[in-house]
All heavy atoms as atom14 arrays in JSON, in Angstrom:
{
  "sequence": "LAWAIEQVRPDIKVMANKGLKIFPELQDYFIFTNPLAANDPKNAPSI",
  "atom14_mask": [
    [1, 1, 1, 1, 1, 1, 1, 1, 0, 0, 0, 0, 0, 0],
    [1, 1, 1, 1, 1, 0, 0, 0, 0, 0, 0, 0, 0, 0],
    [1, 1, 1, 1, 1, 1, 1, 1, 1, 1, 1, 1, 1, 1],
    [1, 1, 1, 1, 1, 0, 0, 0, 0, 0, 0, 0, 0, 0],
    [1, 1, 1, 1, 1, 1, 1, 1, 0, 0, 0, 0, 0, 0],
    [1, 1, 1, 1, 1, 1, 1, 1, 1, 0, 0, 0, 0, 0],
    [1, 1, 1, 1, 1, 1, 1, 1, 1, 0, 0, 0, 0, 0],
    [1, 1, 1, 1, 1, 1, 1, 0, 0, 0, 0, 0, 0, 0],
    [1, 1, 1, 1, 1, 1, 1, 1, 1, 1, 1, 0, 0, 0],
    [1, 1, 1, 1, 1, 1, 1, 0, 0, 0, 0, 0, 0, 0],
    [1, 1, 1, 1, 1, 1, 1, 1, 0, 0, 0, 0, 0, 0],
    [1, 1, 1, 1, 1, 1, 1, 1, 0, 0, 0, 0, 0, 0],
    [1, 1, 1, 1, 1, 1, 1, 1, 1, 0, 0, 0, 0, 0],
    [1, 1, 1, 1, 1, 1, 1, 0, 0, 0, 0, 0, 0, 0],
    [1, 1, 1, 1, 1, 1, 1, 1, 0, 0, 0, 0, 0, 0],
    [1, 1, 1, 1, 1, 0, 0, 0, 0, 0, 0, 0, 0, 0],
    [1, 1, 1, 1, 1, 1, 1, 1, 0, 0, 0, 0, 0, 0],
    [1, 1, 1, 1, 1, 1, 1, 1, 1, 0, 0, 0, 0, 0],
    [1, 1, 1, 1, 0, 0, 0, 0, 0, 0, 0, 0, 0, 0],
    [1, 1, 1, 1, 1, 1, 1, 1, 0, 0, 0, 0, 0, 0],
    [1, 1, 1, 1, 1, 1, 1, 1, 1, 0, 0, 0, 0, 0],
    [1, 1, 1, 1, 1, 1, 1, 1, 0, 0, 0, 0, 0, 0],
    [1, 1, 1, 1, 1, 1, 1, 1, 1, 1, 1, 0, 0, 0],
    [1, 1, 1, 1, 1, 1, 1, 0, 0, 0, 0, 0, 0, 0],
    [1, 1, 1, 1, 1, 1, 1, 1, 1, 0, 0, 0, 0, 0],
    [1, 1, 1, 1, 1, 1, 1, 1, 0, 0, 0, 0, 0, 0],
    [1, 1, 1, 1, 1, 1, 1, 1, 1, 0, 0, 0, 0, 0],
    [1, 1, 1, 1, 1, 1, 1, 1, 0, 0, 0, 0, 0, 0],
    [1, 1, 1, 1, 1, 1, 1, 1, 1, 1, 1, 1, 0, 0],
    [1, 1, 1, 1, 1, 1, 1, 1, 1, 1, 1, 0, 0, 0],
    [1, 1, 1, 1, 1, 1, 1, 1, 0, 0, 0, 0, 0, 0],
    [1, 1, 1, 1, 1, 1, 1, 1, 1, 1, 1, 0, 0, 0],
    [1, 1, 1, 1, 1, 1, 1, 0, 0, 0, 0, 0, 0, 0],
    [1, 1, 1, 1, 1, 1, 1, 1, 0, 0, 0, 0, 0, 0],
    [1, 1, 1, 1, 1, 1, 1, 0, 0, 0, 0, 0, 0, 0],
    [1, 1, 1, 1, 1, 1, 1, 1, 0, 0, 0, 0, 0, 0],
    [1, 1, 1, 1, 1, 0, 0, 0, 0, 0, 0, 0, 0, 0],
    [1, 1, 1, 1, 1, 0, 0, 0, 0, 0, 0, 0, 0, 0],
    [1, 1, 1, 1, 1, 1, 1, 1, 0, 0, 0, 0, 0, 0],
    [1, 1, 1, 1, 1, 1, 1, 1, 0, 0, 0, 0, 0, 0],
    [1, 1, 1, 1, 1, 1, 1, 0, 0, 0, 0, 0, 0, 0],
    [1, 1, 1, 1, 1, 1, 1, 1, 1, 0, 0, 0, 0, 0],
    [1, 1, 1, 1, 1, 1, 1, 1, 0, 0, 0, 0, 0, 0],
    [1, 1, 1, 1, 1, 0, 0, 0, 0, 0, 0, 0, 0, 0],
    [1, 1, 1, 1, 1, 1, 1, 0, 0, 0, 0, 0, 0, 0],
    [1, 1, 1, 1, 1, 1, 0, 0, 0, 0, 0, 0, 0, 0],
    [1, 1, 1, 1, 1, 1, 1, 1, 0, 0, 0, 0, 0, 0]
  ],
  "atom14_positions": [
    [[117.39, 111.45, 116.35], [116.09, 112.1, 116.51], [115.01, 111.34, 115.73], [113.9, 111.15, 116.23], [116.16, 113.55, 116.04], [116.88, 114.53, 116.97], [116.97, 115.91, 116.34], [116.18, 114.62, 118.34], [0.0, 0.0, 0.0], [0.0, 0.0, 0.0], [0.0, 0.0, 0.0], [0.0, 0.0, 0.0], [0.0, 0.0, 0.0], [0.0, 0.0, 0.0]],
    [[115.33, 110.9, 114.51], [114.36, 110.11, 113.74], [113.99, 108.84, 114.5], [112.81, 108.48, 114.59], [114.93, 109.77, 112.37], [0.0, 0.0, 0.0], [0.0, 0.0, 0.0], [0.0, 0.0, 0.0], [0.0, 0.0, 0.0], [0.0, 0.0, 0.0], [0.0, 0.0, 0.0], [0.0, 0.0, 0.0], [0.0, 0.0, 0.0], [0.0, 0.0, 0.0]],
    [[115.0, 108.16, 115.06], [114.75, 106.93, 115.79], [113.89, 107.2, 117.03], [112.93, 106.48, 117.31], [116.07, 106.28, 116.2], [115.87, 105.08, 117.07], [115.57, 103.81, 116.68], [115.9, 105.06, 118.5], [115.42, 103.0, 117.78], [115.62, 103.74, 118.91], [116.14, 106.04, 119.47], [115.57, 103.37, 120.25], [116.1, 105.67, 120.8], [115.82, 104.35, 121.19]],
    [[114.21, 108.24, 117.79], [113.47, 108.55, 119.02], [112.03, 108.97, 118.71], [111.09, 108.55, 119.39], [114.18, 109.66, 119.8], [0.0, 0.0, 0.0], [0.0, 0.0, 0.0], [0.0, 0.0, 0.0], [0.0, 0.0, 0.0], [0.0, 0.0, 0.0], [0.0, 0.0, 0.0], [0.0, 0.0, 0.0], [0.0, 0.0, 0.0], [0.0, 0.0, 0.0]],
    [[111.86, 109.81, 117.7], [110.52, 110.28, 117.36], [109.67, 109.13, 116.82], [108.47, 109.05, 117.08], [110.61, 111.43, 116.33], [111.3, 112.65, 116.97], [109.23, 111.83, 115.82], [111.74, 113.7, 115.96], [0.0, 0.0, 0.0], [0.0, 0.0, 0.0], [0.0, 0.0, 0.0], [0.0, 0.0, 0.0], [0.0, 0.0, 0.0], [0.0, 0.0, 0.0]],
    [[110.3, 108.22, 116.08], [109.56, 107.11, 115.49], [108.88, 106.23, 116.55], [107.85, 105.61, 116.28], [110.49, 106.25, 114.64], [109.77, 105.16, 113.86], [110.71, 104.16, 113.23], [111.89, 104.13, 113.61], [110.24, 103.38, 112.37], [0.0, 0.0, 0.0], [0.0, 0.0, 0.0], [0.0, 0.0, 0.0], [0.0, 0.0, 0.0], [0.0, 0.0, 0.0]],
    [[109.44, 106.19, 117.75], [108.84, 105.38, 118.8], [107.44, 105.89, 119.15], [106.58, 105.13, 119.62], [109.72, 105.37, 120.07], [111.19, 105.09, 119.83], [111.44, 103.86, 118.98], [110.98, 102.78, 119.31], [112.17, 104.03, 117.89], [0.0, 0.0, 0.0], [0.0, 0.0, 0.0], [0.0, 0.0, 0.0], [0.0, 0.0, 0.0], [0.0, 0.0, 0.0]],
    [[107.2, 107.19, 118.94], [105.9, 107.81, 119.2], [105.12, 108.01, 117.91], [103.91, 107.81, 117.87], [106.08, 109.18, 119.91], [104.73, 109.84, 120.19], [106.87, 109.02, 121.2], [0.0, 0.0, 0.0], [0.0, 0.0, 0.0], [0.0, 0.0, 0.0], [0.0, 0.0, 0.0], [0.0, 0.0, 0.0], [0.0, 0.0, 0.0], [0.0, 0.0, 0.0]],
    [[105.84, 108.41, 116.86], [105.22, 108.71, 115.57], [105.88, 107.88, 114.47], [106.86, 108.31, 113.86], [105.36, 110.21, 115.27], [104.61, 111.13, 116.22], [103.09, 110.91, 116.17], [102.56, 111.17, 114.84], [101.98, 112.33, 114.49], [101.85, 113.31, 115.38], [101.5, 112.48, 113.27], [0.0, 0.0, 0.0], [0.0, 0.0, 0.0], [0.0, 0.0, 0.0]],
    [[105.35, 106.68, 114.2], [105.92, 105.84, 113.14], [105.86, 106.49, 111.76], [106.55, 106.04, 110.83], [105.05, 104.58, 113.18], [104.45, 104.56, 114.55], [104.25, 106.0, 114.93], [0.0, 0.0, 0.0], [0.0, 0.0, 0.0], [0.0, 0.0, 0.0], [0.0, 0.0, 0.0], [0.0, 0.0, 0.0], [0.0, 0.0, 0.0], [0.0, 0.0, 0.0]],
    [[105.07, 107.56, 111.63], [104.94, 108.24, 110.34], [105.99, 109.33, 110.14], [105.91, 110.11, 109.18], [103.55, 108.86, 110.21], [103.23, 109.87, 111.32], [103.96, 109.89, 112.34], [102.25, 110.61, 111.19], [0.0, 0.0, 0.0], [0.0, 0.0, 0.0], [0.0, 0.0, 0.0], [0.0, 0.0, 0.0], [0.0, 0.0, 0.0], [0.0, 0.0, 0.0]],
    [[107.01, 109.41, 110.99], [107.98, 110.5, 110.92], [108.73, 110.51, 109.59], [109.15, 109.48, 109.07], [109.01, 110.4, 112.09], [110.0, 111.6, 112.05], [109.75, 109.08, 112.05], [109.38, 112.92, 112.3], [0.0, 0.0, 0.0], [0.0, 0.0, 0.0], [0.0, 0.0, 0.0], [0.0, 0.0, 0.0], [0.0, 0.0, 0.0], [0.0, 0.0, 0.0]],
    [[108.87, 111.72, 109.03], [109.73, 111.97, 107.88], [110.7, 113.08, 108.26], [110.35, 113.98, 109.03], [108.92, 112.4, 106.66], [108.07, 111.28, 106.05], [108.94, 110.23, 105.38], [108.1, 109.17, 104.67], [108.94, 108.11, 104.04], [0.0, 0.0, 0.0], [0.0, 0.0, 0.0], [0.0, 0.0, 0.0], [0.0, 0.0, 0.0], [0.0, 0.0, 0.0]],
    [[111.9, 113.02, 107.7], [112.94, 113.99, 108.02], [113.36, 114.68, 106.73], [113.75, 114.02, 105.76], [114.17, 113.32, 108.66], [115.2, 114.36, 109.07], [113.75, 112.46, 109.84], [0.0, 0.0, 0.0], [0.0, 0.0, 0.0], [0.0, 0.0, 0.0], [0.0, 0.0, 0.0], [0.0, 0.0, 0.0], [0.0, 0.0, 0.0], [0.0, 0.0, 0.0]],
    [[113.28, 116.02, 106.72], [113.8, 116.77, 105.58], [115.31, 116.81, 105.73], [115.83, 117.41, 106.69], [113.22, 118.18, 105.57], [113.43, 118.92, 104.27], [112.56, 120.5, 104.26], [112.7, 120.93, 102.52], [0.0, 0.0, 0.0], [0.0, 0.0, 0.0], [0.0, 0.0, 0.0], [0.0, 0.0, 0.0], [0.0, 0.0, 0.0], [0.0, 0.0, 0.0]],
    [[116.04, 116.17, 104.82], [117.46, 115.9, 105.05], [118.31, 116.21, 103.83], [117.83, 116.21, 102.69], [117.65, 114.43, 105.44], [0.0, 0.0, 0.0], [0.0, 0.0, 0.0], [0.0, 0.0, 0.0], [0.0, 0.0, 0.0], [0.0, 0.0, 0.0], [0.0, 0.0, 0.0], [0.0, 0.0, 0.0], [0.0, 0.0, 0.0], [0.0, 0.0, 0.0]],
    [[119.59, 116.45, 104.1], [120.59, 116.67, 103.05], [120.71, 115.41, 102.2], [120.81, 114.3, 102.72], [121.93, 116.99, 103.72], [122.98, 117.44, 102.73], [123.18, 116.83, 101.69], [123.68, 118.51, 103.08], [0.0, 0.0, 0.0], [0.0, 0.0, 0.0], [0.0, 0.0, 0.0], [0.0, 0.0, 0.0], [0.0, 0.0, 0.0], [0.0, 0.0, 0.0]],
    [[120.73, 115.6, 100.89], [120.8, 114.44, 99.99], [122.09, 113.64, 100.18], [122.18, 112.49, 99.73], [120.67, 114.89, 98.54], [121.79, 115.77, 98.02], [121.55, 116.17, 96.57], [122.71, 116.98, 96.01], [122.47, 117.35, 94.59], [0.0, 0.0, 0.0], [0.0, 0.0, 0.0], [0.0, 0.0, 0.0], [0.0, 0.0, 0.0], [0.0, 0.0, 0.0]],
    [[123.08, 114.22, 100.89], [124.3, 113.48, 101.19], [124.03, 112.24, 102.03], [124.82, 111.28, 102.01], [0.0, 0.0, 0.0], [0.0, 0.0, 0.0], [0.0, 0.0, 0.0], [0.0, 0.0, 0.0], [0.0, 0.0, 0.0], [0.0, 0.0, 0.0], [0.0, 0.0, 0.0], [0.0, 0.0, 0.0], [0.0, 0.0, 0.0], [0.0, 0.0, 0.0]],
    [[122.9, 112.24, 102.76], [122.58, 111.07, 103.59], [122.07, 109.88, 102.78], [121.77, 108.83, 103.34], [121.54, 111.46, 104.66], [122.11, 112.28, 105.82], [121.0, 112.77, 106.73], [123.11, 111.48, 106.62], [0.0, 0.0, 0.0], [0.0, 0.0, 0.0], [0.0, 0.0, 0.0], [0.0, 0.0, 0.0], [0.0, 0.0, 0.0], [0.0, 0.0, 0.0]],
    [[122.03, 110.04, 101.46], [121.73, 108.88, 100.62], [122.82, 107.83, 100.74], [122.65, 106.7, 100.27], [121.59, 109.31, 99.15], [120.31, 110.08, 98.85], [120.19, 110.42, 97.37], [118.89, 111.13, 97.08], [118.76, 111.49, 95.64], [0.0, 0.0, 0.0], [0.0, 0.0, 0.0], [0.0, 0.0, 0.0], [0.0, 0.0, 0.0], [0.0, 0.0, 0.0]],
    [[123.94, 108.2, 101.37], [125.01, 107.24, 101.61], [124.52, 106.07, 102.46], [125.09, 104.99, 102.44], [126.21, 107.94, 102.3], [127.46, 107.07, 102.24], [125.89, 108.34, 103.73], [128.71, 107.77, 102.71], [0.0, 0.0, 0.0], [0.0, 0.0, 0.0], [0.0, 0.0, 0.0], [0.0, 0.0, 0.0], [0.0, 0.0, 0.0], [0.0, 0.0, 0.0]],
    [[123.42, 106.29, 103.22], [122.82, 105.23, 104.03], [121.53, 104.77, 103.36], [120.45, 105.27, 103.68], [122.48, 105.73, 105.43], [123.66, 106.1, 106.27], [123.77, 107.37, 106.82], [124.65, 105.18, 106.54], [124.84, 107.71, 107.62], [125.75, 105.52, 107.34], [125.84, 106.79, 107.87], [0.0, 0.0, 0.0], [0.0, 0.0, 0.0], [0.0, 0.0, 0.0]],
    [[121.56, 103.83, 102.43], [120.33, 103.4, 101.77], [119.31, 102.81, 102.74], [118.1, 102.9, 102.52], [120.81, 102.35, 100.75], [122.15, 101.9, 101.24], [122.75, 103.09, 101.93], [0.0, 0.0, 0.0], [0.0, 0.0, 0.0], [0.0, 0.0, 0.0], [0.0, 0.0, 0.0], [0.0, 0.0, 0.0], [0.0, 0.0, 0.0], [0.0, 0.0, 0.0]],
    [[119.8, 102.23, 103.84], [118.88, 101.61, 104.82], [117.99, 102.64, 105.5], [116.93, 102.31, 106.01], [119.68, 100.85, 105.89], [120.45, 99.64, 105.36], [121.79, 100.01, 104.74], [122.14, 101.21, 104.73], [122.49, 99.11, 104.24], [0.0, 0.0, 0.0], [0.0, 0.0, 0.0], [0.0, 0.0, 0.0], [0.0, 0.0, 0.0], [0.0, 0.0, 0.0]],
    [[118.44, 103.9, 105.53], [117.68, 104.95, 106.24], [116.79, 105.77, 105.32], [116.09, 106.67, 105.78], [118.66, 105.9, 106.96], [119.46, 105.32, 108.11], [120.43, 106.36, 108.66], [118.54, 104.84, 109.23], [0.0, 0.0, 0.0], [0.0, 0.0, 0.0], [0.0, 0.0, 0.0], [0.0, 0.0, 0.0], [0.0, 0.0, 0.0], [0.0, 0.0, 0.0]],
    [[116.79, 105.49, 104.02], [116.14, 106.38, 103.08], [114.64, 106.54, 103.32], [114.06, 107.57, 102.98], [116.41, 105.93, 101.64], [117.85, 106.21, 101.21], [118.05, 106.14, 99.71], [117.14, 106.31, 98.93], [119.29, 105.87, 99.31], [0.0, 0.0, 0.0], [0.0, 0.0, 0.0], [0.0, 0.0, 0.0], [0.0, 0.0, 0.0], [0.0, 0.0, 0.0]],
    [[114.01, 105.55, 103.92], [112.57, 105.65, 104.18], [112.25, 106.74, 105.21], [111.12, 107.2, 105.29], [112.01, 104.31, 104.65], [110.48, 104.31, 104.68], [109.88, 104.76, 103.7], [109.91, 103.88, 105.7], [0.0, 0.0, 0.0], [0.0, 0.0, 0.0], [0.0, 0.0, 0.0], [0.0, 0.0, 0.0], [0.0, 0.0, 0.0], [0.0, 0.0, 0.0]],
    [[113.24, 107.14, 106.01], [113.04, 108.24, 106.96], [112.99, 109.59, 106.24], [112.36, 110.53, 106.72], [114.21, 108.32, 107.95], [114.15, 107.43, 109.16], [115.28, 106.71, 109.56], [113.0, 107.32, 109.95], [115.27, 105.9, 110.69], [112.98, 106.51, 111.07], [114.11, 105.81, 111.44], [114.1, 105.01, 112.56], [0.0, 0.0, 0.0], [0.0, 0.0, 0.0]],
    [[113.71, 109.72, 105.11], [114.11, 111.03, 104.62], [113.31, 111.53, 103.42], [112.87, 110.75, 102.58], [115.59, 111.01, 104.23], [116.52, 110.69, 105.35], [117.57, 109.8, 105.18], [116.36, 111.27, 106.6], [118.44, 109.49, 106.21], [117.22, 110.98, 107.65], [118.26, 110.09, 107.45], [0.0, 0.0, 0.0], [0.0, 0.0, 0.0], [0.0, 0.0, 0.0]],
    [[113.16, 112.85, 103.35], [112.77, 113.57, 102.15], [113.99, 114.44, 101.81], [114.35, 115.34, 102.58], [111.53, 114.43, 102.38], [110.32, 113.55, 102.75], [111.21, 115.26, 101.13], [109.09, 114.34, 103.18], [0.0, 0.0, 0.0], [0.0, 0.0, 0.0], [0.0, 0.0, 0.0], [0.0, 0.0, 0.0], [0.0, 0.0, 0.0], [0.0, 0.0, 0.0]],
    [[114.64, 114.17, 100.69], [115.95, 114.75, 100.43], [115.87, 116.13, 99.76], [115.01, 116.38, 98.91], [116.78, 113.82, 99.55], [117.2, 112.56, 100.24], [116.66, 111.34, 99.87], [118.13, 112.6, 101.26], [117.04, 110.17, 100.52], [118.53, 111.43, 101.9], [117.98, 110.22, 101.53], [0.0, 0.0, 0.0], [0.0, 0.0, 0.0], [0.0, 0.0, 0.0]],
    [[116.79, 117.02, 100.17], [116.95, 118.33, 99.55], [118.43, 118.61, 99.36], [119.29, 117.86, 99.84], [116.35, 119.46, 100.42], [117.06, 119.52, 101.67], [114.88, 119.22, 100.69], [0.0, 0.0, 0.0], [0.0, 0.0, 0.0], [0.0, 0.0, 0.0], [0.0, 0.0, 0.0], [0.0, 0.0, 0.0], [0.0, 0.0, 0.0], [0.0, 0.0, 0.0]],
    [[118.71, 119.71, 98.7], [120.09, 120.18, 98.53], [120.22, 121.54, 99.21], [120.0, 122.57, 98.58], [120.45, 120.28, 97.05], [121.89, 120.75, 96.84], [122.66, 120.86, 97.8], [122.25, 121.03, 95.61], [0.0, 0.0, 0.0], [0.0, 0.0, 0.0], [0.0, 0.0, 0.0], [0.0, 0.0, 0.0], [0.0, 0.0, 0.0], [0.0, 0.0, 0.0]],
    [[120.59, 121.58, 100.49], [120.66, 122.85, 101.21], [121.77, 123.77, 100.75], [121.76, 124.97, 101.05], [120.87, 122.41, 102.67], [121.56, 121.09, 102.56], [120.96, 120.43, 101.33], [0.0, 0.0, 0.0], [0.0, 0.0, 0.0], [0.0, 0.0, 0.0], [0.0, 0.0, 0.0], [0.0, 0.0, 0.0], [0.0, 0.0, 0.0], [0.0, 0.0, 0.0]],
    [[122.75, 123.22, 100.02], [123.86, 124.06, 99.55], [123.49, 124.84, 98.29], [124.24, 125.71, 97.86], [125.09, 123.2, 99.28], [125.7, 122.51, 100.51], [126.92, 121.71, 100.11], [126.05, 123.51, 101.59], [0.0, 0.0, 0.0], [0.0, 0.0, 0.0], [0.0, 0.0, 0.0], [0.0, 0.0, 0.0], [0.0, 0.0, 0.0], [0.0, 0.0, 0.0]],
    [[122.34, 124.52, 97.71], [121.88, 125.23, 96.51], [120.4, 125.53, 96.68], [119.54, 124.73, 96.29], [122.14, 124.4, 95.26], [0.0, 0.0, 0.0], [0.0, 0.0, 0.0], [0.0, 0.0, 0.0], [0.0, 0.0, 0.0], [0.0, 0.0, 0.0], [0.0, 0.0, 0.0], [0.0, 0.0, 0.0], [0.0, 0.0, 0.0], [0.0, 0.0, 0.0]],
    [[120.1, 126.67, 97.28], [118.71, 127.01, 97.59], [117.83, 127.06, 96.36], [116.62, 126.81, 96.43], [118.67, 128.36, 98.32], [0.0, 0.0, 0.0], [0.0, 0.0, 0.0], [0.0, 0.0, 0.0], [0.0, 0.0, 0.0], [0.0, 0.0, 0.0], [0.0, 0.0, 0.0], [0.0, 0.0, 0.0], [0.0, 0.0, 0.0], [0.0, 0.0, 0.0]],
    [[118.43, 127.36, 95.2], [117.65, 127.49, 93.97], [117.63, 126.21, 93.15], [117.2, 126.22, 91.99], [118.21, 128.64, 93.12], [118.06, 129.98, 93.82], [117.04, 130.23, 94.47], [119.07, 130.84, 93.69], [0.0, 0.0, 0.0], [0.0, 0.0, 0.0], [0.0, 0.0, 0.0], [0.0, 0.0, 0.0], [0.0, 0.0, 0.0], [0.0, 0.0, 0.0]],
    [[118.11, 125.11, 93.7], [118.08, 123.83, 93.01], [116.63, 123.48, 92.7], [115.8, 123.36, 93.61], [118.71, 122.75, 93.9], [118.88, 121.41, 93.17], [118.12, 121.15, 92.21], [119.75, 120.62, 93.57], [0.0, 0.0, 0.0], [0.0, 0.0, 0.0], [0.0, 0.0, 0.0], [0.0, 0.0, 0.0], [0.0, 0.0, 0.0], [0.0, 0.0, 0.0]],
    [[116.26, 123.3, 91.41], [114.86, 122.99, 91.07], [114.35, 121.7, 91.68], [113.14, 121.5, 91.82], [114.87, 122.92, 89.54], [116.31, 122.69, 89.16], [117.11, 123.38, 90.21], [0.0, 0.0, 0.0], [0.0, 0.0, 0.0], [0.0, 0.0, 0.0], [0.0, 0.0, 0.0], [0.0, 0.0, 0.0], [0.0, 0.0, 0.0], [0.0, 0.0, 0.0]],
    [[115.27, 120.81, 92.06], [114.85, 119.55, 92.68], [114.35, 119.74, 94.1], [113.76, 118.84, 94.69], [116.02, 118.56, 92.67], [116.43, 118.11, 91.27], [117.57, 117.11, 91.32], [117.98, 116.69, 89.91], [119.12, 115.72, 89.93], [0.0, 0.0, 0.0], [0.0, 0.0, 0.0], [0.0, 0.0, 0.0], [0.0, 0.0, 0.0], [0.0, 0.0, 0.0]],
    [[114.6, 120.93, 94.7], [114.13, 121.17, 96.06], [112.62, 121.41, 96.11], [111.98, 121.11, 97.13], [114.85, 122.38, 96.66], [116.28, 122.05, 97.06], [116.66, 120.89, 97.15], [117.09, 123.08, 97.29], [0.0, 0.0, 0.0], [0.0, 0.0, 0.0], [0.0, 0.0, 0.0], [0.0, 0.0, 0.0], [0.0, 0.0, 0.0], [0.0, 0.0, 0.0]],
    [[112.05, 121.96, 95.05], [110.62, 122.29, 95.05], [109.74, 121.05, 95.27], [108.83, 121.08, 96.11], [110.23, 123.01, 93.77], [0.0, 0.0, 0.0], [0.0, 0.0, 0.0], [0.0, 0.0, 0.0], [0.0, 0.0, 0.0], [0.0, 0.0, 0.0], [0.0, 0.0, 0.0], [0.0, 0.0, 0.0], [0.0, 0.0, 0.0], [0.0, 0.0, 0.0]],
    [[109.96, 119.94, 94.55], [109.16, 118.74, 94.82], [109.33, 118.22, 96.24], [108.38, 117.7, 96.84], [109.68, 117.72, 93.8], [110.29, 118.54, 92.71], [110.86, 119.74, 93.39], [0.0, 0.0, 0.0], [0.0, 0.0, 0.0], [0.0, 0.0, 0.0], [0.0, 0.0, 0.0], [0.0, 0.0, 0.0], [0.0, 0.0, 0.0], [0.0, 0.0, 0.0]],
    [[110.54, 118.38, 96.8], [110.78, 117.93, 98.17], [109.95, 118.74, 99.16], [109.36, 118.19, 100.1], [112.27, 118.06, 98.52], [113.06, 117.27, 97.67], [0.0, 0.0, 0.0], [0.0, 0.0, 0.0], [0.0, 0.0, 0.0], [0.0, 0.0, 0.0], [0.0, 0.0, 0.0], [0.0, 0.0, 0.0], [0.0, 0.0, 0.0], [0.0, 0.0, 0.0]],
    [[109.87, 120.07, 98.94], [109.07, 120.92, 99.81], [107.6, 120.57, 99.7], [106.88, 120.5, 100.7], [109.33, 122.4, 99.47], [110.78, 122.78, 99.82], [108.35, 123.31, 100.22], [111.19, 124.14, 99.32], [0.0, 0.0, 0.0], [0.0, 0.0, 0.0], [0.0, 0.0, 0.0], [0.0, 0.0, 0.0], [0.0, 0.0, 0.0], [0.0, 0.0, 0.0]]
  ]
}
C-alpha cells in the first residue's frame, strides 16, 4: 500500500508497528508506534 500510494503521493507516511524497524530500508515510509501497549508514552510523539 505504501508503494502504490507513493506513486500518487510521494509524501506518504504510514503509522506502523515498531516491529517493522526490521526493515531499515523502509523506515522513511513509517511513523512507528507500539500498538500492543496503548499507554506506551512513546506513542504520543508518534501521534
